Amino acid sequence: MTEMEPGIRRAVKNGEAYYTLTWSPLKKADKYEITLKVPSVAGLYELYRMDESKKLNLLSATHAWYGGLRSQLRAAVDPDATNDPLRRAQLETGTLYYRFAPSDSLPDLLDVVWFLHTSYFPNDVRVEHSGRYGRLYLSEKAPDRVYWLD
């Protein structure tokens, strides 16, 4: 397996942005491991729950700006950090996995998260893109070859 540096790259041509999102390897979520292994920088992450048939189900795809990836991911996998009973049950009973991509650009994070949300949850997009470009394109890279976009 080739080592890939997780992060977000952007190229702009004719007012259109072409993003390359490179994910970290998918890891089993454990708040203590997250403390040791996840950087405390801005970025985006995805959180998954594995079901009984060993299928990964996406729970969230979001950006972490204030507090960074480490603190946001720790809170996202901690059942005691939510008041939502459905969310708490998902966190307590399932095996969770996460991956992330650091970025120090909030506009880039907003563009990429918006693109992911329009692809994953087209009827429930909860974030706006930066508005800097006429069109956005995104390609994914992942060392473990877990892709959700076509």
N, C-alpha and C. Protein backbone atom coordinates (compact mmCIF):
# COMPACT_ATOMS: atom_id res chain seq x y z
N MET A 1 0.84 -1.18 0.00
CA MET A 1 0.00 0.00 0.00
C MET A 1 0.89 1.24 0.00
N THR A 2 0.59 2.17 -0.84
CA THR A 2 1.35 3.40 -0.93
C THR A 2 0.91 4.35 0.17
N GLU A 3 1.88 4.97 0.82
CA GLU A 3 1.56 5.96 1.83
C GLU A 3 0.96 7.19 1.16
N MET A 4 -0.15 7.68 1.69
CA MET A 4 -0.79 8.89 1.18
C MET A 4 -0.91 9.86 2.34
N GLU A 5 -0.56 11.09 2.09
CA GLU A 5 -0.69 12.13 3.10
C GLU A 5 -2.12 12.66 3.07
N PRO A 6 -2.88 12.50 4.18
CA PRO A 6 -4.26 12.99 4.18
C PRO A 6 -4.31 14.51 4.10
N GLY A 7 -5.30 15.01 3.40
CA GLY A 7 -5.48 16.45 3.28
C GLY A 7 -6.36 16.81 2.09
N ILE A 8 -6.45 18.09 1.82
CA ILE A 8 -7.28 18.60 0.73
C ILE A 8 -6.41 19.49 -0.15
N ARG A 9 -6.42 19.20 -1.44
CA ARG A 9 -5.73 20.04 -2.43
C ARG A 9 -6.78 20.66 -3.35
N ARG A 10 -6.49 21.89 -3.79
CA ARG A 10 -7.42 22.60 -4.67
C ARG A 10 -6.65 23.15 -5.86
N ALA A 11 -7.25 23.00 -7.02
CA ALA A 11 -6.75 23.64 -8.25
C ALA A 11 -7.92 24.43 -8.82
N VAL A 12 -7.64 25.60 -9.35
CA VAL A 12 -8.70 26.46 -9.90
C VAL A 12 -8.40 26.71 -11.37
N LYS A 13 -9.44 26.53 -12.18
CA LYS A 13 -9.32 26.79 -13.62
C LYS A 13 -10.63 27.37 -14.11
N ASN A 14 -10.56 28.51 -14.75
CA ASN A 14 -11.74 29.18 -15.33
C ASN A 14 -12.87 29.35 -14.31
N GLY A 15 -12.53 29.73 -13.09
CA GLY A 15 -13.54 29.98 -12.07
C GLY A 15 -14.17 28.73 -11.47
N GLU A 16 -13.60 27.57 -11.77
CA GLU A 16 -14.10 26.31 -11.22
C GLU A 16 -13.02 25.69 -10.34
N ALA A 17 -13.44 25.08 -9.23
CA ALA A 17 -12.49 24.48 -8.29
C ALA A 17 -12.50 22.97 -8.44
N TYR A 18 -11.30 22.41 -8.47
CA TYR A 18 -11.09 20.97 -8.56
C TYR A 18 -10.37 20.54 -7.28
N TYR A 19 -11.11 19.85 -6.43
CA TYR A 19 -10.55 19.42 -5.15
C TYR A 19 -10.13 17.95 -5.21
N THR A 20 -9.04 17.65 -4.53
CA THR A 20 -8.64 16.27 -4.31
C THR A 20 -8.63 16.07 -2.80
N LEU A 21 -9.47 15.17 -2.36
CA LEU A 21 -9.61 14.84 -0.94
C LEU A 21 -8.90 13.52 -0.70
N THR A 22 -7.85 13.57 0.11
CA THR A 22 -7.11 12.35 0.45
C THR A 22 -7.39 12.03 1.91
N TRP A 23 -8.03 10.90 2.14
CA TRP A 23 -8.41 10.47 3.50
C TRP A 23 -7.25 9.78 4.21
N SER A 24 -7.31 9.84 5.53
CA SER A 24 -6.44 9.00 6.35
C SER A 24 -6.97 7.57 6.24
N PRO A 25 -6.20 6.58 6.68
CA PRO A 25 -6.76 5.22 6.70
C PRO A 25 -7.97 5.15 7.63
N LEU A 26 -8.93 4.32 7.30
CA LEU A 26 -10.09 4.08 8.14
C LEU A 26 -9.62 3.37 9.41
N LYS A 27 -10.01 3.89 10.57
CA LYS A 27 -9.57 3.33 11.85
C LYS A 27 -10.76 3.07 12.76
N LYS A 28 -10.63 2.04 13.58
CA LYS A 28 -11.65 1.76 14.59
C LYS A 28 -11.62 2.89 15.61
N ALA A 29 -12.80 3.41 15.93
CA ALA A 29 -12.90 4.57 16.81
C ALA A 29 -12.79 4.17 18.28
N ASP A 30 -11.88 4.80 18.95
CA ASP A 30 -11.68 4.65 20.38
C ASP A 30 -11.20 6.01 20.87
N LYS A 31 -11.90 6.59 21.86
CA LYS A 31 -11.56 7.96 22.24
C LYS A 31 -10.14 8.10 22.76
N TYR A 32 -9.58 7.04 23.32
CA TYR A 32 -8.21 7.11 23.82
C TYR A 32 -7.21 7.05 22.66
N GLU A 33 -7.49 6.21 21.67
CA GLU A 33 -6.64 6.16 20.47
C GLU A 33 -6.71 7.47 19.69
N ILE A 34 -7.91 8.04 19.63
CA ILE A 34 -8.08 9.32 18.94
C ILE A 34 -7.20 10.37 19.60
N THR A 35 -7.15 10.38 20.92
CA THR A 35 -6.31 11.33 21.64
C THR A 35 -4.84 11.20 21.26
N LEU A 36 -4.41 9.98 21.02
CA LEU A 36 -3.00 9.74 20.70
C LEU A 36 -2.67 9.90 19.22
N LYS A 37 -3.60 9.60 18.33
CA LYS A 37 -3.28 9.48 16.90
C LYS A 37 -3.82 10.59 15.99
N VAL A 38 -4.87 11.27 16.41
CA VAL A 38 -5.50 12.27 15.54
C VAL A 38 -4.91 13.65 15.85
N PRO A 39 -4.49 14.39 14.84
CA PRO A 39 -3.91 15.72 15.09
C PRO A 39 -4.97 16.71 15.57
N SER A 40 -4.52 17.66 16.35
CA SER A 40 -5.42 18.70 16.85
C SER A 40 -5.37 19.90 15.92
N VAL A 41 -5.80 19.67 14.69
CA VAL A 41 -5.82 20.71 13.65
C VAL A 41 -7.20 20.71 13.00
N ALA A 42 -7.47 21.73 12.24
CA ALA A 42 -8.74 21.80 11.51
C ALA A 42 -8.76 20.76 10.39
N GLY A 43 -9.96 20.36 9.99
CA GLY A 43 -10.10 19.40 8.90
C GLY A 43 -11.52 18.91 8.80
N LEU A 44 -11.69 17.80 8.10
CA LEU A 44 -13.00 17.17 8.02
C LEU A 44 -12.87 15.70 8.36
N TYR A 45 -13.98 15.12 8.80
CA TYR A 45 -13.95 13.71 9.13
C TYR A 45 -15.27 13.06 8.79
N GLU A 46 -15.21 11.74 8.65
CA GLU A 46 -16.40 10.91 8.50
C GLU A 46 -16.40 9.89 9.62
N LEU A 47 -17.60 9.62 10.12
CA LEU A 47 -17.79 8.63 11.18
C LEU A 47 -18.75 7.57 10.68
N TYR A 48 -18.38 6.31 10.85
CA TYR A 48 -19.17 5.18 10.37
C TYR A 48 -19.51 4.24 11.51
N ARG A 49 -20.60 3.50 11.34
CA ARG A 49 -20.99 2.43 12.26
C ARG A 49 -21.09 1.15 11.43
N MET A 50 -20.44 0.10 11.90
CA MET A 50 -20.54 -1.18 11.20
C MET A 50 -21.76 -1.93 11.72
N ASP A 51 -22.60 -2.40 10.80
CA ASP A 51 -23.80 -3.13 11.21
C ASP A 51 -23.52 -4.62 11.34
N GLU A 52 -24.55 -5.37 11.64
CA GLU A 52 -24.42 -6.81 11.89
C GLU A 52 -23.93 -7.57 10.66
N SER A 53 -24.21 -7.05 9.47
CA SER A 53 -23.78 -7.72 8.24
C SER A 53 -22.40 -7.22 7.77
N LYS A 54 -21.69 -6.52 8.66
CA LYS A 54 -20.33 -6.02 8.40
C LYS A 54 -20.29 -4.94 7.31
N LYS A 55 -21.39 -4.21 7.18
CA LYS A 55 -21.45 -3.10 6.23
C LYS A 55 -21.24 -1.80 6.98
N LEU A 56 -20.42 -0.90 6.41
CA LEU A 56 -20.21 0.41 7.01
C LEU A 56 -21.37 1.34 6.65
N ASN A 57 -21.92 1.99 7.67
CA ASN A 57 -23.00 2.94 7.49
C ASN A 57 -22.50 4.31 7.94
N LEU A 58 -22.60 5.30 7.07
CA LEU A 58 -22.14 6.64 7.37
C LEU A 58 -23.05 7.29 8.40
N LEU A 59 -22.46 7.73 9.51
CA LEU A 59 -23.21 8.46 10.54
C LEU A 59 -23.08 9.96 10.34
N SER A 60 -21.87 10.42 9.99
CA SER A 60 -21.69 11.84 9.78
C SER A 60 -20.48 12.12 8.91
N ALA A 61 -20.56 13.24 8.23
CA ALA A 61 -19.44 13.79 7.45
C ALA A 61 -19.47 15.27 7.73
N THR A 62 -18.46 15.77 8.43
CA THR A 62 -18.49 17.17 8.84
C THR A 62 -17.09 17.74 9.00
N HIS A 63 -17.05 19.05 9.16
CA HIS A 63 -15.77 19.71 9.35
C HIS A 63 -15.55 20.02 10.83
N ALA A 64 -14.30 20.10 11.19
CA ALA A 64 -13.89 20.46 12.54
C ALA A 64 -13.00 21.69 12.42
N TRP A 65 -13.48 22.81 12.90
CA TRP A 65 -12.68 24.03 12.81
C TRP A 65 -12.20 24.40 14.20
N TYR A 66 -13.08 24.97 15.02
CA TYR A 66 -12.70 25.30 16.39
C TYR A 66 -12.54 24.01 17.18
N GLY A 67 -11.45 23.88 17.87
CA GLY A 67 -11.19 22.67 18.65
C GLY A 67 -10.43 21.62 17.88
N GLY A 68 -10.55 21.61 16.57
CA GLY A 68 -9.79 20.69 15.75
C GLY A 68 -10.37 19.29 15.67
N LEU A 69 -9.72 18.48 14.86
CA LEU A 69 -10.17 17.11 14.59
C LEU A 69 -10.18 16.25 15.85
N ARG A 70 -9.12 16.32 16.64
CA ARG A 70 -9.01 15.46 17.82
C ARG A 70 -10.20 15.65 18.77
N SER A 71 -10.47 16.89 19.15
CA SER A 71 -11.55 17.11 20.12
C SER A 71 -12.93 16.81 19.52
N GLN A 72 -13.13 17.17 18.23
CA GLN A 72 -14.42 16.91 17.60
C GLN A 72 -14.69 15.41 17.45
N LEU A 73 -13.66 14.67 17.04
CA LEU A 73 -13.83 13.22 16.89
C LEU A 73 -14.05 12.53 18.24
N ARG A 74 -13.30 12.96 19.25
CA ARG A 74 -13.50 12.38 20.59
C ARG A 74 -14.94 12.56 21.04
N ALA A 75 -15.47 13.75 20.87
CA ALA A 75 -16.86 14.02 21.27
C ALA A 75 -17.84 13.23 20.40
N ALA A 76 -17.53 13.09 19.11
CA ALA A 76 -18.44 12.39 18.19
C ALA A 76 -18.57 10.91 18.51
N VAL A 77 -17.56 10.29 19.11
CA VAL A 77 -17.62 8.85 19.41
C VAL A 77 -17.97 8.56 20.86
N ASP A 78 -18.14 9.60 21.67
CA ASP A 78 -18.43 9.43 23.09
C ASP A 78 -19.93 9.46 23.34
N PRO A 79 -20.54 8.34 23.74
CA PRO A 79 -21.99 8.33 23.97
C PRO A 79 -22.42 9.29 25.08
N ASP A 80 -21.53 9.61 26.00
CA ASP A 80 -21.89 10.53 27.08
C ASP A 80 -21.90 11.99 26.63
N ALA A 81 -21.44 12.25 25.42
CA ALA A 81 -21.37 13.63 24.91
C ALA A 81 -22.63 14.02 24.13
N THR A 82 -23.65 13.16 24.09
CA THR A 82 -24.88 13.49 23.36
C THR A 82 -26.10 13.29 24.26
N ASN A 83 -27.12 14.11 24.02
CA ASN A 83 -28.41 13.96 24.71
C ASN A 83 -29.43 13.24 23.85
N ASP A 84 -29.09 12.97 22.60
CA ASP A 84 -29.99 12.30 21.66
C ASP A 84 -29.98 10.80 21.95
N PRO A 85 -31.10 10.21 22.39
CA PRO A 85 -31.13 8.79 22.74
C PRO A 85 -30.82 7.86 21.56
N LEU A 86 -31.26 8.21 20.35
CA LEU A 86 -30.98 7.39 19.17
C LEU A 86 -29.48 7.41 18.88
N ARG A 87 -28.90 8.59 18.91
CA ARG A 87 -27.46 8.73 18.67
C ARG A 87 -26.66 7.98 19.74
N ARG A 88 -27.07 8.10 20.99
CA ARG A 88 -26.39 7.42 22.09
C ARG A 88 -26.42 5.91 21.89
N ALA A 89 -27.56 5.39 21.47
CA ALA A 89 -27.69 3.94 21.23
C ALA A 89 -26.77 3.50 20.09
N GLN A 90 -26.71 4.31 19.02
CA GLN A 90 -25.82 3.97 17.91
C GLN A 90 -24.37 3.91 18.37
N LEU A 91 -23.98 4.85 19.21
CA LEU A 91 -22.59 4.92 19.67
C LEU A 91 -22.26 3.82 20.67
N GLU A 92 -23.24 3.46 21.50
CA GLU A 92 -23.00 2.45 22.54
C GLU A 92 -23.01 1.02 22.00
N THR A 93 -23.82 0.77 20.99
CA THR A 93 -24.01 -0.61 20.55
C THR A 93 -23.24 -0.99 19.30
N GLY A 94 -22.66 -0.03 18.63
CA GLY A 94 -22.01 -0.34 17.36
C GLY A 94 -20.50 -0.23 17.43
N THR A 95 -19.87 -0.84 16.45
CA THR A 95 -18.44 -0.65 16.26
C THR A 95 -18.28 0.53 15.32
N LEU A 96 -17.56 1.54 15.77
CA LEU A 96 -17.42 2.78 15.03
C LEU A 96 -16.06 2.86 14.35
N TYR A 97 -16.06 3.51 13.19
CA TYR A 97 -14.83 3.75 12.43
C TYR A 97 -14.82 5.20 11.99
N TYR A 98 -13.62 5.75 11.80
CA TYR A 98 -13.49 7.13 11.36
C TYR A 98 -12.33 7.27 10.39
N ARG A 99 -12.36 8.37 9.66
CA ARG A 99 -11.23 8.80 8.84
C ARG A 99 -11.29 10.32 8.76
N PHE A 100 -10.16 10.92 8.43
CA PHE A 100 -10.11 12.38 8.43
C PHE A 100 -9.16 12.89 7.36
N ALA A 101 -9.28 14.19 7.13
CA ALA A 101 -8.39 14.90 6.20
C ALA A 101 -8.17 16.30 6.76
N PRO A 102 -6.95 16.63 7.18
CA PRO A 102 -6.67 17.97 7.70
C PRO A 102 -6.72 19.04 6.61
N SER A 103 -7.06 20.25 7.00
CA SER A 103 -7.01 21.41 6.11
C SER A 103 -7.01 22.66 6.97
N ASP A 104 -6.21 23.64 6.60
CA ASP A 104 -6.19 24.90 7.35
C ASP A 104 -6.99 26.01 6.66
N SER A 105 -7.81 25.63 5.68
CA SER A 105 -8.61 26.60 4.95
C SER A 105 -10.10 26.34 5.21
N LEU A 106 -10.74 27.24 5.95
CA LEU A 106 -12.18 27.08 6.21
C LEU A 106 -13.00 27.13 4.91
N PRO A 107 -12.73 28.05 3.97
CA PRO A 107 -13.50 28.02 2.72
C PRO A 107 -13.37 26.69 1.97
N ASP A 108 -12.17 26.11 1.94
CA ASP A 108 -12.00 24.81 1.28
C ASP A 108 -12.78 23.73 2.01
N LEU A 109 -12.74 23.75 3.34
CA LEU A 109 -13.51 22.76 4.12
C LEU A 109 -15.00 22.88 3.82
N LEU A 110 -15.51 24.11 3.79
CA LEU A 110 -16.94 24.31 3.51
C LEU A 110 -17.30 23.80 2.12
N ASP A 111 -16.45 24.07 1.13
CA ASP A 111 -16.72 23.59 -0.22
C ASP A 111 -16.77 22.06 -0.26
N VAL A 112 -15.78 21.41 0.35
CA VAL A 112 -15.71 19.95 0.30
C VAL A 112 -16.84 19.31 1.10
N VAL A 113 -17.13 19.83 2.28
CA VAL A 113 -18.23 19.26 3.07
C VAL A 113 -19.56 19.48 2.35
N TRP A 114 -19.75 20.64 1.76
CA TRP A 114 -20.98 20.88 0.98
C TRP A 114 -21.09 19.85 -0.15
N PHE A 115 -19.99 19.63 -0.88
CA PHE A 115 -20.01 18.66 -1.97
C PHE A 115 -20.36 17.27 -1.44
N LEU A 116 -19.74 16.86 -0.34
CA LEU A 116 -20.04 15.54 0.24
C LEU A 116 -21.50 15.45 0.66
N HIS A 117 -22.00 16.49 1.32
CA HIS A 117 -23.40 16.46 1.77
C HIS A 117 -24.37 16.41 0.60
N THR A 118 -24.08 17.14 -0.49
CA THR A 118 -25.00 17.09 -1.63
C THR A 118 -24.97 15.72 -2.29
N SER A 119 -23.87 15.00 -2.14
CA SER A 119 -23.78 13.64 -2.69
C SER A 119 -24.39 12.61 -1.76
N TYR A 120 -24.11 12.72 -0.47
CA TYR A 120 -24.57 11.72 0.52
C TYR A 120 -26.00 11.95 0.96
N PHE A 121 -26.34 13.22 1.24
CA PHE A 121 -27.65 13.58 1.81
C PHE A 121 -28.30 14.68 0.98
N PRO A 122 -28.63 14.42 -0.28
CA PRO A 122 -29.09 15.51 -1.16
C PRO A 122 -30.34 16.24 -0.66
N ASN A 123 -31.15 15.60 0.16
CA ASN A 123 -32.36 16.26 0.66
C ASN A 123 -32.17 16.88 2.04
N ASP A 124 -30.94 16.85 2.56
CA ASP A 124 -30.69 17.37 3.90
C ASP A 124 -29.30 17.99 3.99
N VAL A 125 -29.01 18.95 3.11
CA VAL A 125 -27.71 19.62 3.10
C VAL A 125 -27.74 20.72 4.16
N ARG A 126 -26.83 20.63 5.14
CA ARG A 126 -26.85 21.55 6.28
C ARG A 126 -25.66 22.51 6.31
N VAL A 127 -24.94 22.61 5.23
CA VAL A 127 -23.79 23.51 5.17
C VAL A 127 -23.78 24.19 3.81
N GLU A 128 -23.30 25.42 3.76
CA GLU A 128 -23.20 26.17 2.51
C GLU A 128 -21.76 26.14 2.01
N HIS A 129 -21.59 26.13 0.71
CA HIS A 129 -20.25 26.21 0.14
C HIS A 129 -19.75 27.66 0.28
N SER A 130 -18.50 27.88 -0.03
CA SER A 130 -17.88 29.20 0.18
C SER A 130 -18.40 30.27 -0.79
N GLY A 131 -18.95 29.85 -1.93
CA GLY A 131 -19.44 30.81 -2.91
C GLY A 131 -18.35 31.41 -3.79
N ARG A 132 -17.13 30.89 -3.69
CA ARG A 132 -16.01 31.46 -4.45
C ARG A 132 -15.97 31.00 -5.90
N TYR A 133 -16.59 29.86 -6.22
CA TYR A 133 -16.42 29.25 -7.54
C TYR A 133 -17.77 28.93 -8.17
N GLY A 134 -17.79 28.96 -9.49
CA GLY A 134 -19.01 28.66 -10.23
C GLY A 134 -19.40 27.19 -10.13
N ARG A 135 -18.41 26.31 -10.14
CA ARG A 135 -18.67 24.86 -10.02
C ARG A 135 -17.56 24.26 -9.16
N LEU A 136 -17.93 23.17 -8.49
CA LEU A 136 -16.98 22.43 -7.66
C LEU A 136 -16.91 20.99 -8.15
N TYR A 137 -15.71 20.45 -8.18
CA TYR A 137 -15.48 19.06 -8.53
C TYR A 137 -14.64 18.44 -7.41
N LEU A 138 -14.86 17.16 -7.15
CA LEU A 138 -14.14 16.51 -6.08
C LEU A 138 -13.76 15.09 -6.48
N SER A 139 -12.51 14.75 -6.23
CA SER A 139 -12.09 13.36 -6.38
C SER A 139 -11.52 12.92 -5.03
N GLU A 140 -11.74 11.64 -4.72
CA GLU A 140 -11.29 11.09 -3.44
C GLU A 140 -10.13 10.13 -3.65
N LYS A 141 -9.25 10.11 -2.66
CA LYS A 141 -8.21 9.10 -2.57
C LYS A 141 -8.25 8.56 -1.15
N ALA A 142 -8.06 7.25 -1.03
CA ALA A 142 -8.05 6.63 0.30
C ALA A 142 -7.11 5.44 0.27
N PRO A 143 -6.23 5.31 1.26
CA PRO A 143 -5.27 4.20 1.26
C PRO A 143 -5.93 2.83 1.34
N ASP A 144 -7.13 2.77 1.91
CA ASP A 144 -7.83 1.49 2.04
C ASP A 144 -8.91 1.31 0.97
N ARG A 145 -8.96 2.24 0.03
CA ARG A 145 -9.87 2.18 -1.11
C ARG A 145 -11.35 2.14 -0.73
N VAL A 146 -11.72 2.84 0.33
CA VAL A 146 -13.12 2.99 0.69
C VAL A 146 -13.57 4.33 0.10
N TYR A 147 -14.43 4.24 -0.92
CA TYR A 147 -14.92 5.43 -1.62
C TYR A 147 -16.44 5.44 -1.62
N TRP A 148 -17.01 6.65 -1.52
CA TRP A 148 -18.45 6.80 -1.56
C TRP A 148 -18.90 7.55 -2.81
N LEU A 149 -18.01 8.31 -3.39
CA LEU A 149 -18.37 9.07 -4.58
C LEU A 149 -18.03 8.26 -5.82
N ASP A 150 -18.79 8.45 -6.88
CA ASP A 150 -18.50 7.79 -8.16
C ASP A 150 -17.45 8.55 -8.92
